[in-house]
């Protein structure tokens, strides 16, 4: 089933594509995970930490608005993979993604990812955090599938 979303003004400025998947797994302690992938092409703009944080917040709000799963927190979670694409990014932004400094949400996760379009390199989390540890191999697989 294909899901379509009406883009909010913050996503209309740049080229953005949004994917959604609802999945239930017994190995996730019998939980349902609703995952949104929000990828935005920033053109030649340099990616910075404030830009990542704004995209993460906007993406999470979009996901919450379009969430269709079980009540959040009752054997159900929300994952948002926020991908920014550009040929320019600073080292702090790369480190932000590697260290997964985006923070936790109630029954939810925000995962920052940067894709360097010139070098074909992805900057993403390196270690699975304690909070939500059971989902991160799945998030890693989704991100790797985009490479």
C-alpha atoms as a PDB file:
ATOM      1  CA  UNK A   1       0.000   0.000   0.000  1.00  0.00           C
ATOM      2  CA  UNK A   2       1.376   3.416  -0.943  1.00  0.00           C
ATOM      3  CA  UNK A   3       0.951   6.276   1.505  1.00  0.00           C
ATOM      4  CA  UNK A   4       0.759   9.889   0.327  1.00  0.00           C
ATOM      5  CA  UNK A   5       1.139  12.982   2.469  1.00  0.00           C
ATOM      6  CA  UNK A   6       0.338  16.622   1.905  1.00  0.00           C
ATOM      7  CA  UNK A   7       3.628  18.366   2.473  1.00  0.00           C
ATOM      8  CA  UNK A   8       3.715  21.141   5.032  1.00  0.00           C
ATOM      9  CA  UNK A   9       5.304  24.454   3.984  1.00  0.00           C
ATOM     10  CA  UNK A  10       8.650  23.578   5.592  1.00  0.00           C
ATOM     11  CA  UNK A  11       9.039  20.677   3.118  1.00  0.00           C
ATOM     12  CA  UNK A  12       7.823  22.480  -0.020  1.00  0.00           C
ATOM     13  CA  UNK A  13      10.919  24.672  -0.251  1.00  0.00           C
ATOM     14  CA  UNK A  14      13.243  21.773  -1.157  1.00  0.00           C
ATOM     15  CA  UNK A  15      12.708  18.497  -2.996  1.00  0.00           C
ATOM     16  CA  UNK A  16      11.443  16.026  -0.399  1.00  0.00           C
ATOM     17  CA  UNK A  17      10.310  12.421  -0.591  1.00  0.00           C
ATOM     18  CA  UNK A  18       8.572  10.609   2.260  1.00  0.00           C
ATOM     19  CA  UNK A  19       8.277   6.875   2.820  1.00  0.00           C
ATOM     20  CA  UNK A  20       6.211   5.040   5.440  1.00  0.00           C
ATOM     21  CA  UNK A  21       6.136   1.483   6.695  1.00  0.00           C
ATOM     22  CA  UNK A  22       4.188  -0.169   9.509  1.00  0.00           C
ATOM     23  CA  UNK A  23       5.717  -3.406  10.757  1.00  0.00           C
ATOM     24  CA  UNK A  24       4.994  -5.826  13.614  1.00  0.00           C
ATOM     25  CA  UNK A  25       7.627  -8.269  14.868  1.00  0.00           C
ATOM     26  CA  UNK A  26       7.641 -10.743  17.702  1.00  0.00           C
ATOM     27  CA  UNK A  27      11.386 -10.167  18.050  1.00  0.00           C
ATOM     28  CA  UNK A  28      10.605  -6.538  18.948  1.00  0.00           C
ATOM     29  CA  UNK A  29       8.874  -7.846  22.068  1.00  0.00           C
ATOM     30  CA  UNK A  30       5.600  -8.013  20.122  1.00  0.00           C
ATOM     31  CA  UNK A  31       5.534  -4.354  19.147  1.00  0.00           C
ATOM     32  CA  UNK A  32       4.434  -2.473  16.081  1.00  0.00           C
ATOM     33  CA  UNK A  33       6.880   0.044  14.638  1.00  0.00           C
ATOM     34  CA  UNK A  34       5.707   2.835  12.358  1.00  0.00           C
ATOM     35  CA  UNK A  35       8.698   4.150  10.422  1.00  0.00           C
ATOM     36  CA  UNK A  36       8.802   7.323   8.363  1.00  0.00           C
ATOM     37  CA  UNK A  37      11.738   8.172   6.118  1.00  0.00           C
ATOM     38  CA  UNK A  38      11.910  11.847   5.174  1.00  0.00           C
ATOM     39  CA  UNK A  39      14.645  12.641   2.640  1.00  0.00           C
ATOM     40  CA  UNK A  40      15.296  16.207   1.509  1.00  0.00           C
ATOM     41  CA  UNK A  41      17.709  17.370  -1.176  1.00  0.00           C
ATOM     42  CA  UNK A  42      19.369  20.525   0.133  1.00  0.00           C
ATOM     43  CA  UNK A  43      20.990  21.293  -3.206  1.00  0.00           C
ATOM     44  CA  UNK A  44      24.334  22.953  -2.622  1.00  0.00           C
ATOM     45  CA  UNK A  45      23.483  24.229   0.885  1.00  0.00           C
ATOM     46  CA  UNK A  46      25.968  23.266   3.598  1.00  0.00           C
ATOM     47  CA  UNK A  47      24.406  20.937   6.160  1.00  0.00           C
ATOM     48  CA  UNK A  48      24.838  22.118   9.754  1.00  0.00           C
ATOM     49  CA  UNK A  49      23.615  20.887  13.143  1.00  0.00           C
ATOM     50  CA  UNK A  50      20.801  23.497  13.366  1.00  0.00           C
ATOM     51  CA  UNK A  51      19.625  22.431   9.895  1.00  0.00           C
ATOM     52  CA  UNK A  52      19.621  18.751  10.979  1.00  0.00           C
ATOM     53  CA  UNK A  53      17.713  19.547  14.180  1.00  0.00           C
ATOM     54  CA  UNK A  54      15.074  21.558  12.310  1.00  0.00           C
ATOM     55  CA  UNK A  55      14.616  18.754   9.780  1.00  0.00           C
ATOM     56  CA  UNK A  56      14.354  16.181  12.599  1.00  0.00           C
ATOM     57  CA  UNK A  57      11.715  18.234  14.426  1.00  0.00           C
ATOM     58  CA  UNK A  58       9.712  18.971  11.277  1.00  0.00           C
ATOM     59  CA  UNK A  59       9.915  15.318  10.212  1.00  0.00           C
ATOM     60  CA  UNK A  60       8.780  14.068  13.621  1.00  0.00           C
ATOM     61  CA  UNK A  61       5.812  16.475  13.613  1.00  0.00           C
ATOM     62  CA  UNK A  62       4.860  15.248  10.137  1.00  0.00           C
ATOM     63  CA  UNK A  63       5.102  11.629  11.337  1.00  0.00           C
ATOM     64  CA  UNK A  64       2.969  12.293  14.414  1.00  0.00           C
ATOM     65  CA  UNK A  65       0.332  14.017  12.271  1.00  0.00           C
ATOM     66  CA  UNK A  66       0.181  11.083   9.836  1.00  0.00           C
ATOM     67  CA  UNK A  67       0.616   8.273  12.385  1.00  0.00           C
ATOM     68  CA  UNK A  68      -1.897   5.477  11.822  1.00  0.00           C
ATOM     69  CA  UNK A  69      -0.732   2.731  14.156  1.00  0.00           C
ATOM     70  CA  UNK A  70      -1.856   1.493  17.521  1.00  0.00           C
ATOM     71  CA  UNK A  71      -1.855   4.090  20.312  1.00  0.00           C
ATOM     72  CA  UNK A  72       1.718   5.299  20.632  1.00  0.00           C
ATOM     73  CA  UNK A  73       3.456   3.760  23.625  1.00  0.00           C
ATOM     74  CA  UNK A  74       1.109   0.767  23.927  1.00  0.00           C
ATOM     75  CA  UNK A  75       3.212  -1.888  22.191  1.00  0.00           C
ATOM     76  CA  UNK A  76       3.705   0.642  19.406  1.00  0.00           C
ATOM     77  CA  UNK A  77       6.514   3.001  18.492  1.00  0.00           C
ATOM     78  CA  UNK A  78       7.316   5.704  15.966  1.00  0.00           C
ATOM     79  CA  UNK A  79      10.639   5.878  14.140  1.00  0.00           C
ATOM     80  CA  UNK A  80      11.663   8.799  11.954  1.00  0.00           C
ATOM     81  CA  UNK A  81      14.732   8.613   9.744  1.00  0.00           C
ATOM     82  CA  UNK A  82      15.608  12.143   8.656  1.00  0.00           C
ATOM     83  CA  UNK A  83      17.922  12.265   5.636  1.00  0.00           C
ATOM     84  CA  UNK A  84      19.543  15.430   4.330  1.00  0.00           C
ATOM     85  CA  UNK A  85      21.279  15.289   0.947  1.00  0.00           C
ATOM     86  CA  UNK A  86      23.971  17.738  -0.142  1.00  0.00           C
ATOM     87  CA  UNK A  87      27.476  17.992  -1.488  1.00  0.00           C
ATOM     88  CA  UNK A  88      28.481  20.192   1.470  1.00  0.00           C
ATOM     89  CA  UNK A  89      28.395  19.492   5.199  1.00  0.00           C
ATOM     90  CA  UNK A  90      30.561  20.450   8.134  1.00  0.00           C
ATOM     91  CA  UNK A  91      32.397  18.002  10.391  1.00  0.00           C
ATOM     92  CA  UNK A  92      30.158  18.789  13.363  1.00  0.00           C
ATOM     93  CA  UNK A  93      27.093  17.725  11.368  1.00  0.00           C
ATOM     94  CA  UNK A  94      28.759  14.440  10.381  1.00  0.00           C
ATOM     95  CA  UNK A  95      29.677  13.764  14.021  1.00  0.00           C
ATOM     96  CA  UNK A  96      26.128  14.597  15.142  1.00  0.00           C
ATOM     97  CA  UNK A  97      24.838  11.803  12.905  1.00  0.00           C
ATOM     98  CA  UNK A  98      27.554   9.309  13.876  1.00  0.00           C
ATOM     99  CA  UNK A  99      26.960   9.866  17.597  1.00  0.00           C
ATOM    100  CA  UNK A 100      23.149   9.883  17.248  1.00  0.00           C
ATOM    101  CA  UNK A 101      22.780  13.045  19.305  1.00  0.00           C
ATOM    102  CA  UNK A 102      19.167  13.640  18.247  1.00  0.00           C
ATOM    103  CA  UNK A 103      17.535  12.647  21.516  1.00  0.00           C
ATOM    104  CA  UNK A 104      14.622  10.453  22.513  1.00  0.00           C
ATOM    105  CA  UNK A 105      10.885  10.992  22.136  1.00  0.00           C
ATOM    106  CA  UNK A 106       7.948   9.358  23.924  1.00  0.00           C
ATOM    107  CA  UNK A 107       7.703   5.902  22.304  1.00  0.00           C
ATOM    108  CA  UNK A 108       9.634   7.313  19.384  1.00  0.00           C
ATOM    109  CA  UNK A 109      13.022   7.763  17.776  1.00  0.00           C
ATOM    110  CA  UNK A 110      14.557  10.346  15.479  1.00  0.00           C
ATOM    111  CA  UNK A 111      17.573   9.252  13.468  1.00  0.00           C
ATOM    112  CA  UNK A 112      19.636  11.850  11.604  1.00  0.00           C
ATOM    113  CA  UNK A 113      21.388  10.804   8.385  1.00  0.00           C
ATOM    114  CA  UNK A 114      23.472  12.833   5.948  1.00  0.00           C
ATOM    115  CA  UNK A 115      24.192  11.741   2.397  1.00  0.00           C
ATOM    116  CA  UNK A 116      27.115  13.391   0.582  1.00  0.00           C
ATOM    117  CA  UNK A 117      25.942  13.409  -3.031  1.00  0.00           C
ATOM    118  CA  UNK A 118      29.414  14.181  -4.449  1.00  0.00           C
ATOM    119  CA  UNK A 119      31.297  11.441  -2.588  1.00  0.00           C
ATOM    120  CA  UNK A 120      28.439   8.899  -2.328  1.00  0.00           C
ATOM    121  CA  UNK A 121      28.999   8.691   1.456  1.00  0.00           C
ATOM    122  CA  UNK A 122      26.430   8.228   4.203  1.00  0.00           C
ATOM    123  CA  UNK A 123      26.910   9.499   7.748  1.00  0.00           C
ATOM    124  CA  UNK A 124      24.728   7.611  10.220  1.00  0.00           C
ATOM    125  CA  UNK A 125      24.827   6.236  13.757  1.00  0.00           C
ATOM    126  CA  UNK A 126      27.752   3.930  14.513  1.00  0.00           C
ATOM    127  CA  UNK A 127      26.470   2.168  17.643  1.00  0.00           C
ATOM    128  CA  UNK A 128      23.056   0.977  18.714  1.00  0.00           C
ATOM    129  CA  UNK A 129      21.931   3.045  21.709  1.00  0.00           C
ATOM    130  CA  UNK A 130      20.424   1.479  24.821  1.00  0.00           C
ATOM    131  CA  UNK A 131      17.049   3.256  24.349  1.00  0.00           C
ATOM    132  CA  UNK A 132      15.245   1.330  21.598  1.00  0.00           C
ATOM    133  CA  UNK A 133      18.158  -1.058  21.023  1.00  0.00           C
ATOM    134  CA  UNK A 134      15.922  -3.736  19.498  1.00  0.00           C
ATOM    135  CA  UNK A 135      14.907  -1.466  16.596  1.00  0.00           C
ATOM    136  CA  UNK A 136      18.289  -0.105  15.515  1.00  0.00           C
ATOM    137  CA  UNK A 137      19.403  -3.111  13.426  1.00  0.00           C
ATOM    138  CA  UNK A 138      16.180  -2.580  11.442  1.00  0.00           C
ATOM    139  CA  UNK A 139      16.866   1.161  11.082  1.00  0.00           C
ATOM    140  CA  UNK A 140      20.427   0.371   9.961  1.00  0.00           C
ATOM    141  CA  UNK A 141      19.073  -2.064   7.344  1.00  0.00           C
ATOM    142  CA  UNK A 142      16.611   0.547   6.021  1.00  0.00           C
ATOM    143  CA  UNK A 143      19.359   3.175   5.773  1.00  0.00           C
ATOM    144  CA  UNK A 144      21.757   0.725   4.094  1.00  0.00           C
ATOM    145  CA  UNK A 145      19.049  -0.074   1.543  1.00  0.00           C
ATOM    146  CA  UNK A 146      19.116   3.566   0.478  1.00  0.00           C
ATOM    147  CA  UNK A 147      22.844   3.519  -0.320  1.00  0.00           C
END
